[in-house]
Amino acid sequence: MGVQEMSRATIGRMPLYLRFLQEENQKGEKYISSAVIAQNIPVSAVLVRKDLAQVSSQPGKPRLGFEVVRLIADIEKFLGYDNLSDAVVVGAGGLGKAFLGYEGFKNNGLNIVAAFDVSPETIGEKIAGKTVYPLEEFEDFVRENQINIGIITVPKSAAQETLDRMARAGIKAVWNFAPAPLHVPKGVILKNEDLSASLALLAGELSKGAFNRRLVLQKRNA
């Protein structure tokens, strides 16, 4: 079954399954049941079995469950994580440097190989062994290294120009962290991450929870 045939909810759970299974594998676990997976995701054991049946042909052994290593390989293959995709970052400020230094992306099939910036103070820096190059070298680097994924961590004012530059260089997929409405060039897949909006939602949930607690206390004291 292809990704396009699977529900978004199921696809969204696959990285959760994978992360948990990788943790169990590091602990030395050889087999795991759908019930144990369900307790840690959490979803129902029935849903776990249904999800995993769509990406793995192993039925699971009685009283043992699924073979952890094989299940990890099946999920990684389905998600494309068994074939690392090289990516570059444009904007080597705080967030960009954090991406360069974060090795966890490799567990999800993403290998950030370099960053680009316009700041003379930043150009030439090495973060986790990865170099920050001048922006004028971006197009040549992308073409020579056949990069398909770009990550935008520039200020809002430079986001559209950066996206257009990536498209001209041949980037096919862009992960954008700049809080700006962008016109997406033809042939480019864009995924926006608005950190300020996420924070606002989190703060709103906290406020709502505090408001509900106040109502409960008022009713108790009435």
Protein backbone atom coordinates (compact mmCIF):
# COMPACT_ATOMS: atom_id res chain seq x y z
CA MET A 1 0.00 0.00 0.00
CA GLY A 2 1.39 3.41 -0.94
CA VAL A 3 1.49 6.51 1.23
CA GLN A 4 -1.22 8.14 -0.86
CA GLU A 5 -3.59 5.21 -0.09
CA MET A 6 -3.12 5.37 3.67
CA SER A 7 -4.94 7.79 5.94
CA ARG A 8 -3.07 10.81 7.27
CA ALA A 9 -3.73 9.63 10.83
CA THR A 10 -2.09 6.26 10.15
CA ILE A 11 0.92 7.83 8.45
CA GLY A 12 1.24 10.27 11.36
CA ARG A 13 1.45 7.38 13.83
CA MET A 14 4.26 5.61 11.99
CA PRO A 15 7.07 7.85 13.34
CA LEU A 16 5.65 7.32 16.85
CA TYR A 17 5.79 3.56 16.42
CA LEU A 18 9.28 3.80 14.98
CA ARG A 19 10.65 5.95 17.80
CA PHE A 20 9.25 3.63 20.45
CA LEU A 21 10.55 0.51 18.70
CA GLN A 22 14.01 2.06 18.34
CA GLU A 23 14.05 2.77 22.07
CA GLU A 24 13.03 -0.82 22.83
CA ASN A 25 15.66 -2.14 20.44
CA GLN A 26 18.33 -0.12 22.25
CA LYS A 27 17.19 -1.77 25.49
CA GLY A 28 17.80 -5.16 23.93
CA GLU A 29 14.17 -6.16 23.38
CA LYS A 30 13.82 -8.77 20.62
CA TYR A 31 10.03 -9.08 20.44
CA ILE A 32 7.16 -6.81 21.37
CA SER A 33 3.40 -7.23 21.47
CA SER A 34 0.78 -4.90 20.03
CA ALA A 35 -0.55 -4.45 23.58
CA VAL A 36 2.79 -3.08 24.81
CA ILE A 37 3.06 -0.76 21.82
CA ALA A 38 -0.49 0.45 22.44
CA GLN A 39 0.29 1.29 26.06
CA ASN A 40 3.15 3.54 25.01
CA ILE A 41 1.78 5.40 21.97
CA PRO A 42 -1.11 5.32 23.22
CA VAL A 43 -3.72 3.83 20.91
CA SER A 44 -5.72 0.63 21.04
CA ALA A 45 -3.97 -2.68 20.41
CA VAL A 46 -6.46 -3.36 17.61
CA LEU A 47 -5.43 -0.13 15.87
CA VAL A 48 -1.74 -0.96 16.33
CA ARG A 49 -2.20 -4.32 14.60
CA LYS A 50 -4.23 -2.70 11.83
CA ASP A 51 -1.60 0.02 11.26
CA LEU A 52 1.36 -2.35 11.29
CA ALA A 53 -0.35 -4.78 8.93
CA GLN A 54 -0.26 -2.04 6.30
CA VAL A 55 3.53 -1.72 6.39
CA SER A 56 4.77 -5.13 7.55
CA SER A 57 4.08 -8.67 6.36
CA GLN A 58 5.12 -10.34 9.61
CA PRO A 59 2.09 -11.68 11.52
CA GLY A 60 3.64 -11.64 14.98
CA LYS A 61 4.50 -14.76 16.98
CA PRO A 62 2.12 -16.18 19.61
CA ARG A 63 3.06 -15.06 23.15
CA LEU A 64 6.03 -13.12 21.74
CA GLY A 65 4.64 -10.54 19.35
CA PHE A 66 6.47 -8.76 16.55
CA GLU A 67 10.19 -9.06 15.88
CA VAL A 68 11.45 -5.59 16.80
CA VAL A 69 14.36 -5.29 14.35
CA ARG A 70 12.28 -6.49 11.42
CA LEU A 71 9.40 -4.19 12.31
CA ILE A 72 11.76 -1.22 12.51
CA ALA A 73 13.13 -2.07 9.06
CA ASP A 74 9.62 -2.38 7.61
CA ILE A 75 8.50 1.00 8.96
CA GLU A 76 11.73 2.71 7.90
CA LYS A 77 11.32 1.31 4.39
CA PHE A 78 7.71 2.48 4.22
CA LEU A 79 8.61 5.99 5.36
CA GLY A 80 11.73 6.11 3.20
CA TYR A 81 13.99 6.40 6.24
CA ASP A 82 16.19 3.54 5.03
CA ASN A 83 17.51 5.89 2.35
CA LEU A 84 18.78 9.11 3.94
CA SER A 85 17.84 12.30 2.13
CA ASP A 86 20.42 15.07 2.17
CA ALA A 87 19.18 18.55 3.06
CA VAL A 88 20.56 22.06 3.45
CA VAL A 89 19.63 24.92 5.75
CA VAL A 90 19.41 28.55 4.65
CA GLY A 91 19.77 30.86 7.63
CA ALA A 92 22.46 29.93 10.15
CA GLY A 93 21.09 31.83 13.13
CA GLY A 94 20.07 30.18 16.39
CA LEU A 95 17.47 27.86 14.89
CA GLY A 96 19.56 27.00 11.85
CA LYS A 97 22.56 26.11 14.01
CA ALA A 98 20.34 23.99 16.24
CA PHE A 99 19.29 21.98 13.18
CA LEU A 100 22.91 21.51 12.15
CA GLY A 101 23.78 20.15 15.57
CA TYR A 102 20.79 17.85 15.99
CA GLU A 103 21.72 14.29 15.02
CA GLY A 104 18.23 12.93 15.71
CA PHE A 105 17.05 13.85 12.20
CA LYS A 106 19.04 10.90 10.86
CA ASN A 107 16.65 8.55 12.66
CA ASN A 108 13.95 10.02 10.42
CA GLY A 109 15.90 9.75 7.19
CA LEU A 110 17.09 13.37 7.04
CA ASN A 111 20.78 14.21 6.76
CA ILE A 112 21.54 17.94 6.98
CA VAL A 113 24.86 18.42 5.22
CA ALA A 114 25.44 22.19 5.20
CA ALA A 115 24.04 25.65 5.89
CA PHE A 116 24.14 28.95 4.02
CA ASP A 117 24.09 32.52 5.30
CA VAL A 118 24.93 36.09 4.35
CA SER A 119 26.58 37.10 7.63
CA PRO A 120 30.40 37.40 7.42
CA GLU A 121 30.58 36.52 11.12
CA THR A 122 28.77 33.22 10.52
CA ILE A 123 30.21 32.11 7.16
CA GLY A 124 32.97 29.55 7.62
CA GLU A 125 31.72 28.29 10.97
CA LYS A 126 31.51 24.55 11.52
CA ILE A 127 28.68 23.13 13.61
CA ALA A 128 28.80 19.39 14.30
CA GLY A 129 31.26 19.08 11.44
CA LYS A 130 28.98 20.89 8.97
CA THR A 131 30.09 24.11 7.29
CA VAL A 132 28.21 27.39 6.91
CA TYR A 133 28.79 28.58 3.34
CA PRO A 134 28.15 31.99 1.75
CA LEU A 135 24.70 32.20 0.18
CA GLU A 136 26.10 32.94 -3.27
CA GLU A 137 27.44 29.36 -3.37
CA PHE A 138 24.00 27.87 -2.69
CA GLU A 139 22.89 27.04 -6.23
CA ASP A 140 26.18 25.39 -7.21
CA PHE A 141 26.29 23.32 -3.99
CA VAL A 142 22.72 22.10 -4.42
CA ARG A 143 23.24 21.08 -8.04
CA GLU A 144 26.63 19.46 -7.49
CA ASN A 145 25.38 17.46 -4.51
CA GLN A 146 21.90 16.74 -5.91
CA ILE A 147 20.11 18.15 -2.86
CA ASN A 148 16.32 17.84 -2.93
CA ILE A 149 15.34 19.19 0.52
CA GLY A 150 15.78 22.73 1.82
CA ILE A 151 15.09 24.14 5.28
CA ILE A 152 14.30 27.85 5.64
CA THR A 153 15.27 29.51 8.93
CA VAL A 154 15.76 33.07 7.68
CA PRO A 155 13.89 36.19 8.85
CA LYS A 156 10.38 36.73 7.52
CA SER A 157 11.53 39.43 5.09
CA ALA A 158 13.88 37.04 3.29
CA ALA A 159 11.66 33.95 3.22
CA GLN A 160 10.07 34.34 -0.23
CA GLU A 161 13.37 35.20 -1.87
CA THR A 162 14.92 32.14 -0.22
CA LEU A 163 12.11 29.86 -1.36
CA ASP A 164 12.41 31.15 -4.94
CA ARG A 165 16.16 30.62 -4.82
CA MET A 166 15.69 27.05 -3.65
CA ALA A 167 13.24 26.38 -6.48
CA ARG A 168 15.64 27.77 -9.08
CA ALA A 169 18.42 25.55 -7.72
CA GLY A 170 16.26 22.44 -8.08
CA ILE A 171 15.09 21.91 -4.51
CA LYS A 172 11.92 19.80 -4.58
CA ALA A 173 10.75 19.93 -0.93
CA VAL A 174 11.01 22.82 1.54
CA TRP A 175 10.51 22.91 5.29
CA ASN A 176 9.80 26.53 6.19
CA PHE A 177 10.21 27.97 9.68
CA ALA A 178 9.88 31.63 8.68
CA PRO A 179 6.51 33.10 9.80
CA ALA A 180 5.61 34.43 6.37
CA PRO A 181 2.87 33.70 3.80
CA LEU A 182 4.72 32.28 0.81
CA HIS A 183 3.89 31.83 -2.85
CA VAL A 184 4.93 28.27 -3.66
CA PRO A 185 6.77 27.86 -6.98
CA LYS A 186 5.53 25.15 -9.31
CA GLY A 187 7.05 21.75 -8.62
CA VAL A 188 7.95 22.49 -4.98
CA ILE A 189 6.38 20.84 -1.94
CA LEU A 190 6.18 23.26 1.00
CA LYS A 191 5.60 22.44 4.66
CA ASN A 192 5.23 25.43 6.98
CA GLU A 193 6.02 25.35 10.69
CA ASP A 194 4.81 28.43 12.57
CA LEU A 195 6.47 28.25 15.98
CA SER A 196 4.71 31.35 17.28
CA ALA A 197 1.30 29.92 16.34
CA SER A 198 2.15 26.63 18.07
CA LEU A 199 3.20 28.52 21.18
CA ALA A 200 -0.02 30.54 21.10
CA LEU A 201 -2.06 27.33 20.90
CA LEU A 202 -0.13 25.88 23.82
CA ALA A 203 -0.63 29.03 25.88
CA GLY A 204 -4.31 29.00 25.00
CA GLU A 205 -4.69 25.42 26.20
CA LEU A 206 -2.93 26.32 29.44
CA SER A 207 -5.20 29.32 29.94
CA LYS A 208 -8.28 27.25 29.19
CA GLY A 209 -7.16 24.64 31.71
CA ALA A 210 -6.58 27.31 34.36
CA PHE A 211 -10.00 28.82 33.63
CA ASN A 212 -11.69 25.43 33.98
CA ARG A 213 -9.91 24.80 37.27
CA ARG A 214 -11.10 28.17 38.59
CA LEU A 215 -14.68 27.26 37.67
CA VAL A 216 -14.38 23.97 39.55
CA LEU A 217 -13.03 25.72 42.63
CA GLN A 218 -15.78 28.33 42.48
CA LYS A 219 -18.44 25.60 42.34
CA ARG A 220 -16.87 23.80 45.28
CA ASN A 221 -16.77 26.97 47.33
CA ALA A 222 -20.29 28.07 46.37
